[in-house]
Amino acid sequence: MFNSFFPDRRCESTYRIDFAELYKKGFRGVIFDIDNTLVEHGKDADERAKQLFQELRALGFKSCLLSNNNEERVLRFNKDIQTHAIFKAAKPGGKNYRRAMELMGTDVNDTVFVGDQLFTDVWGAKRLGIYNILVSPIDKKEEIQIVLKRYLEKIVLHFYEKEAGHEG
């Protein structure tokens, strides 16, 4: 029942993902959510985020930011990152996931999506067959609509954890 929402993988933090290992497995593009995935909601790119994108480039990855947020917020974050970026992405709709892959020159077989929300980030990627990694949100203090979604996510993740071979 909940399988369509199960992430392919979970990781405590974006910054703990072994991107070198993903590259060895044939992945060439990474699509990222921004808020609570790379930085706290609304924050500019910090040194950790800047370093991550430098490391991704050095490994040979293409990347794209995919955010439901507005143009000003996405461009402000991307000012120091300088990667492809799509704002007002309408996740979980698939159109802009496809557009991100077009911008990177990748497809569903060599693209990874990293995000902190099941019902937008993961579900959107999963619907297209993009390998996805659910990370824990950076900031635990969130807007009420997100708090409500997180409650529902806990229910889905309970069933995810019960599935054989899935660990947090």
N, C-alpha and C. Protein backbone atom coordinates (compact mmCIF):
# COMPACT_ATOMS: atom_id res chain seq x y z
N MET A 1 0.82 -1.20 0.00
CA MET A 1 0.00 0.00 0.00
C MET A 1 0.86 1.27 0.00
N PHE A 2 1.90 1.29 0.82
CA PHE A 2 2.76 2.46 0.92
C PHE A 2 4.00 2.36 0.05
N ASN A 3 4.18 1.24 -0.65
CA ASN A 3 5.42 1.00 -1.38
C ASN A 3 5.79 2.11 -2.36
N SER A 4 4.79 2.76 -2.94
CA SER A 4 5.09 3.81 -3.91
C SER A 4 5.74 5.03 -3.25
N PHE A 5 5.70 5.08 -1.92
CA PHE A 5 6.33 6.18 -1.20
C PHE A 5 7.66 5.78 -0.57
N PHE A 6 8.02 4.50 -0.62
CA PHE A 6 9.26 4.04 0.01
C PHE A 6 10.47 4.57 -0.75
N PRO A 7 11.40 5.20 -0.05
CA PRO A 7 12.62 5.63 -0.73
C PRO A 7 13.47 4.43 -1.12
N ASP A 8 14.32 4.60 -2.11
CA ASP A 8 15.25 3.53 -2.46
C ASP A 8 16.31 3.38 -1.39
N ARG A 9 16.61 4.48 -0.74
CA ARG A 9 17.62 4.46 0.32
C ARG A 9 17.37 5.61 1.28
N ARG A 10 17.79 5.45 2.52
CA ARG A 10 17.74 6.53 3.51
C ARG A 10 19.15 6.83 3.98
N CYS A 11 19.37 8.09 4.31
CA CYS A 11 20.66 8.51 4.84
C CYS A 11 20.40 9.64 5.83
N GLU A 12 21.15 9.67 6.89
CA GLU A 12 20.95 10.68 7.93
C GLU A 12 21.13 12.10 7.39
N SER A 13 22.07 12.27 6.46
CA SER A 13 22.38 13.60 5.96
C SER A 13 22.87 13.52 4.51
N THR A 14 22.56 14.54 3.75
CA THR A 14 23.11 14.66 2.40
C THR A 14 24.63 14.56 2.44
N TYR A 15 25.20 15.10 3.49
CA TYR A 15 26.65 15.19 3.59
C TYR A 15 27.31 13.89 4.05
N ARG A 16 26.51 12.86 4.25
CA ARG A 16 27.05 11.54 4.59
C ARG A 16 26.88 10.54 3.44
N ILE A 17 26.32 10.99 2.34
CA ILE A 17 26.16 10.12 1.17
C ILE A 17 27.52 9.93 0.51
N ASP A 18 27.82 8.70 0.14
CA ASP A 18 29.08 8.39 -0.54
C ASP A 18 28.88 8.56 -2.05
N PHE A 19 29.09 9.78 -2.52
CA PHE A 19 28.88 10.07 -3.93
C PHE A 19 29.90 9.38 -4.82
N ALA A 20 31.11 9.16 -4.32
CA ALA A 20 32.12 8.44 -5.10
C ALA A 20 31.64 7.02 -5.40
N GLU A 21 31.00 6.39 -4.43
CA GLU A 21 30.45 5.05 -4.62
C GLU A 21 29.32 5.07 -5.64
N LEU A 22 28.46 6.08 -5.57
CA LEU A 22 27.38 6.20 -6.55
C LEU A 22 27.95 6.39 -7.96
N TYR A 23 29.02 7.16 -8.08
CA TYR A 23 29.65 7.36 -9.38
C TYR A 23 30.19 6.03 -9.91
N LYS A 24 30.81 5.25 -9.04
CA LYS A 24 31.33 3.94 -9.44
C LYS A 24 30.21 3.03 -9.93
N LYS A 25 29.01 3.21 -9.39
CA LYS A 25 27.86 2.39 -9.78
C LYS A 25 27.22 2.88 -11.07
N GLY A 26 27.74 3.96 -11.65
CA GLY A 26 27.25 4.41 -12.95
C GLY A 26 26.37 5.64 -12.92
N PHE A 27 26.13 6.20 -11.76
CA PHE A 27 25.32 7.42 -11.69
C PHE A 27 26.16 8.61 -12.15
N ARG A 28 25.53 9.52 -12.91
CA ARG A 28 26.26 10.66 -13.45
C ARG A 28 25.59 12.00 -13.17
N GLY A 29 24.37 11.98 -12.70
CA GLY A 29 23.65 13.21 -12.39
C GLY A 29 22.99 13.12 -11.03
N VAL A 30 23.00 14.25 -10.30
CA VAL A 30 22.33 14.30 -9.00
C VAL A 30 21.40 15.50 -8.98
N ILE A 31 20.14 15.23 -8.68
CA ILE A 31 19.14 16.29 -8.51
C ILE A 31 18.94 16.46 -7.00
N PHE A 32 19.00 17.71 -6.55
CA PHE A 32 18.83 18.00 -5.13
C PHE A 32 17.65 18.92 -4.87
N ASP A 33 16.89 18.60 -3.84
CA ASP A 33 16.02 19.58 -3.20
C ASP A 33 16.97 20.53 -2.46
N ILE A 34 16.51 21.71 -2.08
CA ILE A 34 17.39 22.66 -1.37
C ILE A 34 17.07 22.71 0.12
N ASP A 35 15.88 23.22 0.44
CA ASP A 35 15.54 23.50 1.83
C ASP A 35 15.40 22.25 2.67
N ASN A 36 16.17 22.21 3.74
CA ASN A 36 16.23 21.11 4.69
C ASN A 36 16.91 19.86 4.13
N THR A 37 17.39 19.94 2.90
CA THR A 37 18.19 18.88 2.29
C THR A 37 19.66 19.30 2.24
N LEU A 38 19.90 20.52 1.77
CA LEU A 38 21.27 21.05 1.67
C LEU A 38 21.58 22.08 2.76
N VAL A 39 20.58 22.87 3.12
CA VAL A 39 20.71 23.88 4.18
C VAL A 39 19.37 24.01 4.90
N GLU A 40 19.38 24.71 6.03
CA GLU A 40 18.12 25.00 6.72
C GLU A 40 17.23 25.82 5.78
N HIS A 41 15.93 25.70 6.00
CA HIS A 41 14.95 26.38 5.15
C HIS A 41 15.27 27.88 5.02
N GLY A 42 15.38 28.34 3.78
CA GLY A 42 15.58 29.75 3.49
C GLY A 42 17.00 30.26 3.58
N LYS A 43 17.94 29.43 4.00
CA LYS A 43 19.34 29.88 4.18
C LYS A 43 20.09 29.87 2.85
N ASP A 44 21.11 30.72 2.79
CA ASP A 44 22.00 30.74 1.62
C ASP A 44 22.91 29.51 1.67
N ALA A 45 23.57 29.25 0.57
CA ALA A 45 24.53 28.14 0.51
C ALA A 45 25.64 28.39 1.52
N ASP A 46 25.89 27.41 2.37
CA ASP A 46 26.97 27.54 3.35
C ASP A 46 28.23 26.85 2.80
N GLU A 47 29.30 26.90 3.57
CA GLU A 47 30.57 26.32 3.10
C GLU A 47 30.44 24.83 2.81
N ARG A 48 29.67 24.14 3.64
CA ARG A 48 29.48 22.70 3.45
C ARG A 48 28.82 22.42 2.10
N ALA A 49 27.79 23.19 1.76
CA ALA A 49 27.10 23.01 0.48
C ALA A 49 28.03 23.35 -0.69
N LYS A 50 28.75 24.44 -0.57
CA LYS A 50 29.68 24.84 -1.63
C LYS A 50 30.73 23.75 -1.86
N GLN A 51 31.26 23.21 -0.78
CA GLN A 51 32.27 22.15 -0.86
C GLN A 51 31.69 20.90 -1.53
N LEU A 52 30.45 20.55 -1.17
CA LEU A 52 29.82 19.37 -1.77
C LEU A 52 29.75 19.49 -3.28
N PHE A 53 29.32 20.64 -3.79
CA PHE A 53 29.19 20.80 -5.23
C PHE A 53 30.55 20.83 -5.92
N GLN A 54 31.58 21.34 -5.26
CA GLN A 54 32.94 21.26 -5.81
C GLN A 54 33.38 19.80 -5.91
N GLU A 55 33.09 19.02 -4.87
CA GLU A 55 33.46 17.61 -4.87
C GLU A 55 32.70 16.84 -5.94
N LEU A 56 31.41 17.16 -6.12
CA LEU A 56 30.63 16.49 -7.16
C LEU A 56 31.22 16.76 -8.54
N ARG A 57 31.57 18.01 -8.79
CA ARG A 57 32.18 18.36 -10.08
C ARG A 57 33.49 17.61 -10.28
N ALA A 58 34.30 17.54 -9.23
CA ALA A 58 35.59 16.84 -9.32
C ALA A 58 35.41 15.36 -9.62
N LEU A 59 34.33 14.76 -9.10
CA LEU A 59 34.04 13.35 -9.37
C LEU A 59 33.54 13.13 -10.80
N GLY A 60 32.99 14.19 -11.42
CA GLY A 60 32.45 14.08 -12.76
C GLY A 60 30.93 14.14 -12.82
N PHE A 61 30.29 14.44 -11.70
CA PHE A 61 28.83 14.54 -11.66
C PHE A 61 28.34 15.84 -12.27
N LYS A 62 27.19 15.76 -12.91
CA LYS A 62 26.38 16.93 -13.25
C LYS A 62 25.37 17.06 -12.12
N SER A 63 24.86 18.26 -11.90
CA SER A 63 23.89 18.43 -10.82
C SER A 63 22.83 19.45 -11.21
N CYS A 64 21.72 19.39 -10.48
CA CYS A 64 20.62 20.32 -10.69
C CYS A 64 19.86 20.49 -9.38
N LEU A 65 19.50 21.72 -9.08
CA LEU A 65 18.64 22.01 -7.93
C LEU A 65 17.20 21.98 -8.43
N LEU A 66 16.33 21.34 -7.67
CA LEU A 66 14.92 21.24 -8.04
C LEU A 66 14.10 21.62 -6.82
N SER A 67 13.50 22.80 -6.87
CA SER A 67 12.82 23.33 -5.69
C SER A 67 11.42 23.83 -6.03
N ASN A 68 10.51 23.63 -5.10
CA ASN A 68 9.17 24.20 -5.24
C ASN A 68 9.16 25.67 -4.83
N ASN A 69 10.26 26.16 -4.33
CA ASN A 69 10.35 27.54 -3.87
C ASN A 69 10.40 28.50 -5.06
N ASN A 70 10.37 29.80 -4.77
CA ASN A 70 10.32 30.81 -5.82
C ASN A 70 11.69 31.11 -6.43
N GLU A 71 11.66 31.86 -7.51
CA GLU A 71 12.88 32.17 -8.27
C GLU A 71 13.93 32.86 -7.41
N GLU A 72 13.52 33.88 -6.65
CA GLU A 72 14.47 34.64 -5.84
C GLU A 72 15.21 33.73 -4.87
N ARG A 73 14.49 32.84 -4.20
CA ARG A 73 15.11 31.97 -3.20
C ARG A 73 16.10 31.01 -3.86
N VAL A 74 15.70 30.39 -4.96
CA VAL A 74 16.54 29.40 -5.64
C VAL A 74 17.78 30.07 -6.23
N LEU A 75 17.62 31.22 -6.87
CA LEU A 75 18.77 31.91 -7.46
C LEU A 75 19.73 32.41 -6.38
N ARG A 76 19.19 32.85 -5.25
CA ARG A 76 20.04 33.31 -4.14
C ARG A 76 20.88 32.15 -3.62
N PHE A 77 20.27 30.97 -3.45
CA PHE A 77 21.03 29.81 -3.00
C PHE A 77 22.08 29.42 -4.04
N ASN A 78 21.70 29.46 -5.31
CA ASN A 78 22.56 28.99 -6.39
C ASN A 78 23.69 29.97 -6.74
N LYS A 79 23.63 31.18 -6.22
CA LYS A 79 24.64 32.21 -6.53
C LYS A 79 26.06 31.69 -6.33
N ASP A 80 26.30 30.98 -5.25
CA ASP A 80 27.64 30.47 -4.95
C ASP A 80 27.84 29.02 -5.36
N ILE A 81 26.78 28.35 -5.76
CA ILE A 81 26.87 26.94 -6.17
C ILE A 81 27.13 26.84 -7.68
N GLN A 82 26.39 27.65 -8.45
CA GLN A 82 26.54 27.70 -9.90
C GLN A 82 26.30 26.34 -10.57
N THR A 83 25.09 25.84 -10.39
CA THR A 83 24.69 24.61 -11.07
C THR A 83 23.36 24.87 -11.75
N HIS A 84 22.84 23.88 -12.46
CA HIS A 84 21.51 24.02 -13.04
C HIS A 84 20.51 24.18 -11.90
N ALA A 85 19.45 24.95 -12.14
CA ALA A 85 18.46 25.16 -11.09
C ALA A 85 17.08 25.37 -11.69
N ILE A 86 16.10 24.74 -11.07
CA ILE A 86 14.71 24.88 -11.48
C ILE A 86 13.91 25.29 -10.25
N PHE A 87 13.18 26.40 -10.36
CA PHE A 87 12.34 26.88 -9.27
C PHE A 87 10.88 26.64 -9.61
N LYS A 88 10.01 26.79 -8.61
CA LYS A 88 8.57 26.50 -8.79
C LYS A 88 8.39 25.19 -9.54
N ALA A 89 9.05 24.15 -9.06
CA ALA A 89 9.15 22.87 -9.77
C ALA A 89 7.88 22.03 -9.78
N ALA A 90 6.93 22.36 -8.93
CA ALA A 90 5.67 21.61 -8.86
C ALA A 90 5.88 20.13 -8.55
N LYS A 91 6.87 19.83 -7.68
CA LYS A 91 7.05 18.44 -7.23
C LYS A 91 5.82 18.06 -6.42
N PRO A 92 5.30 16.87 -6.57
CA PRO A 92 5.91 15.69 -7.14
C PRO A 92 5.64 15.47 -8.64
N GLY A 93 5.10 16.45 -9.32
CA GLY A 93 4.89 16.31 -10.76
C GLY A 93 6.20 15.99 -11.48
N GLY A 94 6.13 15.19 -12.53
CA GLY A 94 7.33 14.69 -13.18
C GLY A 94 7.99 15.61 -14.19
N LYS A 95 7.28 16.62 -14.66
CA LYS A 95 7.79 17.47 -15.75
C LYS A 95 9.18 18.04 -15.45
N ASN A 96 9.37 18.59 -14.27
CA ASN A 96 10.65 19.25 -13.99
C ASN A 96 11.74 18.29 -13.54
N TYR A 97 11.39 17.09 -13.11
CA TYR A 97 12.41 16.05 -12.90
C TYR A 97 13.00 15.71 -14.27
N ARG A 98 12.12 15.58 -15.28
CA ARG A 98 12.59 15.30 -16.65
C ARG A 98 13.44 16.46 -17.17
N ARG A 99 12.98 17.67 -16.92
CA ARG A 99 13.73 18.85 -17.37
C ARG A 99 15.12 18.89 -16.72
N ALA A 100 15.20 18.54 -15.44
CA ALA A 100 16.50 18.51 -14.75
C ALA A 100 17.44 17.51 -15.44
N MET A 101 16.90 16.34 -15.78
CA MET A 101 17.74 15.34 -16.45
C MET A 101 18.18 15.83 -17.82
N GLU A 102 17.29 16.52 -18.54
CA GLU A 102 17.67 17.09 -19.84
C GLU A 102 18.80 18.10 -19.68
N LEU A 103 18.70 18.96 -18.68
CA LEU A 103 19.74 19.96 -18.44
C LEU A 103 21.09 19.31 -18.13
N MET A 104 21.05 18.19 -17.41
CA MET A 104 22.29 17.49 -17.03
C MET A 104 22.78 16.53 -18.11
N GLY A 105 21.91 16.20 -19.07
CA GLY A 105 22.28 15.21 -20.08
C GLY A 105 22.27 13.80 -19.54
N THR A 106 21.38 13.54 -18.58
CA THR A 106 21.27 12.20 -17.98
C THR A 106 19.87 11.66 -18.21
N ASP A 107 19.64 10.44 -17.75
CA ASP A 107 18.31 9.85 -17.81
C ASP A 107 18.02 9.13 -16.50
N VAL A 108 16.89 8.44 -16.43
CA VAL A 108 16.49 7.80 -15.17
C VAL A 108 17.47 6.73 -14.71
N ASN A 109 18.24 6.18 -15.63
CA ASN A 109 19.16 5.10 -15.27
C ASN A 109 20.46 5.58 -14.63
N ASP A 110 20.81 6.85 -14.83
CA ASP A 110 22.07 7.33 -14.26
C ASP A 110 21.90 8.61 -13.43
N THR A 111 20.69 8.79 -12.91
CA THR A 111 20.38 9.97 -12.10
C THR A 111 19.95 9.55 -10.70
N VAL A 112 20.37 10.33 -9.72
CA VAL A 112 19.99 10.15 -8.31
C VAL A 112 19.25 11.40 -7.87
N PHE A 113 18.21 11.22 -7.09
CA PHE A 113 17.53 12.37 -6.48
C PHE A 113 17.75 12.32 -4.98
N VAL A 114 18.06 13.47 -4.37
CA VAL A 114 18.27 13.57 -2.92
C VAL A 114 17.32 14.63 -2.37
N GLY A 115 16.48 14.21 -1.41
CA GLY A 115 15.55 15.15 -0.79
C GLY A 115 15.12 14.71 0.59
N ASP A 116 14.42 15.60 1.29
CA ASP A 116 14.04 15.33 2.68
C ASP A 116 12.56 15.04 2.88
N GLN A 117 11.76 15.07 1.80
CA GLN A 117 10.32 14.84 1.97
C GLN A 117 9.84 13.68 1.11
N LEU A 118 9.09 12.79 1.75
CA LEU A 118 8.55 11.62 1.03
C LEU A 118 7.53 12.00 -0.02
N PHE A 119 6.57 12.85 0.35
CA PHE A 119 5.40 13.07 -0.50
C PHE A 119 5.64 14.07 -1.63
N THR A 120 6.76 14.71 -1.65
CA THR A 120 7.10 15.57 -2.79
C THR A 120 8.35 15.04 -3.47
N ASP A 121 9.46 15.07 -2.76
CA ASP A 121 10.76 14.70 -3.34
C ASP A 121 10.83 13.25 -3.79
N VAL A 122 10.68 12.35 -2.85
CA VAL A 122 10.84 10.91 -3.13
C VAL A 122 9.76 10.40 -4.06
N TRP A 123 8.52 10.73 -3.78
CA TRP A 123 7.42 10.23 -4.61
C TRP A 123 7.58 10.69 -6.05
N GLY A 124 7.93 11.95 -6.25
CA GLY A 124 8.12 12.45 -7.61
C GLY A 124 9.21 11.71 -8.36
N ALA A 125 10.34 11.49 -7.69
CA ALA A 125 11.45 10.76 -8.32
C ALA A 125 11.05 9.31 -8.59
N LYS A 126 10.42 8.70 -7.62
CA LYS A 126 10.04 7.29 -7.72
C LYS A 126 9.05 7.06 -8.87
N ARG A 127 8.13 7.99 -9.06
CA ARG A 127 7.14 7.85 -10.14
C ARG A 127 7.80 7.77 -11.51
N LEU A 128 8.97 8.39 -11.64
CA LEU A 128 9.69 8.36 -12.92
C LEU A 128 10.74 7.26 -12.99
N GLY A 129 10.96 6.58 -11.88
CA GLY A 129 11.97 5.53 -11.85
C GLY A 129 13.37 6.04 -11.55
N ILE A 130 13.48 7.23 -10.96
CA ILE A 130 14.78 7.80 -10.58
C ILE A 130 15.17 7.25 -9.22
N TYR A 131 16.40 6.75 -9.11
CA TYR A 131 16.91 6.28 -7.83
C TYR A 131 16.89 7.46 -6.86
N ASN A 132 16.36 7.23 -5.66
CA ASN A 132 16.18 8.34 -4.73
C ASN A 132 16.69 8.02 -3.34
N ILE A 133 17.19 9.06 -2.68
CA ILE A 133 17.71 8.94 -1.32
C ILE A 133 16.97 9.95 -0.45
N LEU A 134 16.31 9.45 0.57
CA LEU A 134 15.63 10.30 1.54
C LEU A 134 16.61 10.63 2.66
N VAL A 135 16.82 11.92 2.90
CA VAL A 135 17.68 12.34 4.00
C VAL A 135 16.83 12.94 5.11
N SER A 136 17.35 12.91 6.32
CA SER A 136 16.65 13.54 7.44
C SER A 136 16.71 15.05 7.26
N PRO A 137 15.63 15.74 7.62
CA PRO A 137 15.65 17.20 7.49
C PRO A 137 16.71 17.83 8.39
N ILE A 138 17.39 18.84 7.87
CA ILE A 138 18.44 19.51 8.63
C ILE A 138 17.87 20.23 9.84
N ASP A 139 16.77 20.94 9.65
CA ASP A 139 16.16 21.71 10.74
C ASP A 139 14.87 21.03 11.17
N LYS A 140 14.76 20.75 12.43
CA LYS A 140 13.56 20.06 12.95
C LYS A 140 12.39 21.03 13.14
N LYS A 141 12.65 22.34 13.14
CA LYS A 141 11.60 23.34 13.30
C LYS A 141 11.05 23.69 11.92
N GLU A 142 9.77 23.37 11.69
CA GLU A 142 9.21 23.55 10.35
C GLU A 142 7.83 24.19 10.40
N GLU A 143 7.37 24.66 9.24
CA GLU A 143 6.04 25.24 9.11
C GLU A 143 4.98 24.17 9.36
N ILE A 144 3.80 24.59 9.79
CA ILE A 144 2.74 23.66 10.20
C ILE A 144 2.37 22.66 9.11
N GLN A 145 2.29 23.10 7.85
CA GLN A 145 1.92 22.17 6.78
C GLN A 145 2.97 21.07 6.61
N ILE A 146 4.23 21.41 6.86
CA ILE A 146 5.29 20.40 6.78
C ILE A 146 5.22 19.48 7.98
N VAL A 147 4.92 20.03 9.15
CA VAL A 147 4.78 19.21 10.36
C VAL A 147 3.72 18.14 10.15
N LEU A 148 2.61 18.52 9.54
CA LEU A 148 1.53 17.55 9.27
C LEU A 148 1.99 16.48 8.29
N LYS A 149 2.72 16.88 7.25
CA LYS A 149 3.25 15.89 6.30
C LYS A 149 4.25 14.97 6.97
N ARG A 150 5.05 15.51 7.87
CA ARG A 150 6.05 14.68 8.57
C ARG A 150 5.37 13.61 9.42
N TYR A 151 4.22 13.94 10.01
CA TYR A 151 3.48 12.96 10.79
C TYR A 151 3.07 11.79 9.89
N LEU A 152 2.54 12.10 8.72
CA LEU A 152 2.16 11.05 7.77
C LEU A 152 3.38 10.28 7.27
N GLU A 153 4.49 10.99 7.09
CA GLU A 153 5.73 10.33 6.67
C GLU A 153 6.17 9.29 7.70
N LYS A 154 6.01 9.61 8.98
CA LYS A 154 6.40 8.66 10.04
C LYS A 154 5.63 7.35 9.90
N ILE A 155 4.36 7.45 9.54
CA ILE A 155 3.55 6.24 9.36
C ILE A 155 4.10 5.41 8.20
N VAL A 156 4.35 6.06 7.08
CA VAL A 156 4.88 5.36 5.91
C VAL A 156 6.24 4.76 6.23
N LEU A 157 7.10 5.52 6.88
CA LEU A 157 8.45 5.03 7.19
C LEU A 157 8.43 3.89 8.20
N HIS A 158 7.41 3.83 9.03
CA HIS A 158 7.26 2.68 9.94
C HIS A 158 7.14 1.40 9.11
N PHE A 159 6.31 1.44 8.08
CA PHE A 159 6.14 0.26 7.22
C PHE A 159 7.39 0.01 6.38
N TYR A 160 8.04 1.07 5.95
CA TYR A 160 9.30 0.95 5.21
C TYR A 160 10.33 0.20 6.05
N GLU A 161 10.46 0.59 7.30
CA GLU A 161 11.45 -0.04 8.20
C GLU A 161 11.13 -1.51 8.44
N LYS A 162 9.86 -1.87 8.38
CA LYS A 162 9.47 -3.27 8.60
C LYS A 162 9.79 -4.16 7.41
N GLU A 163 9.95 -3.54 6.23
CA GLU A 163 10.29 -4.32 5.04
C GLU A 163 11.70 -4.88 5.19
N ALA A 164 11.90 -6.09 4.77
CA ALA A 164 13.23 -6.73 4.86
C ALA A 164 14.27 -5.94 4.08
N GLY A 165 15.43 -5.75 4.69
CA GLY A 165 16.55 -5.12 4.02
C GLY A 165 16.56 -3.61 4.05
N HIS A 166 15.58 -2.98 4.68
CA HIS A 166 15.58 -1.52 4.75
C HIS A 166 16.00 -1.08 6.13
N GLU A 167 17.01 -0.22 6.16
CA GLU A 167 17.48 0.34 7.42
C GLU A 167 17.52 1.85 7.30
N GLY A 168 17.37 2.52 8.43
CA GLY A 168 17.41 3.98 8.45
C GLY A 168 18.77 4.54 8.28
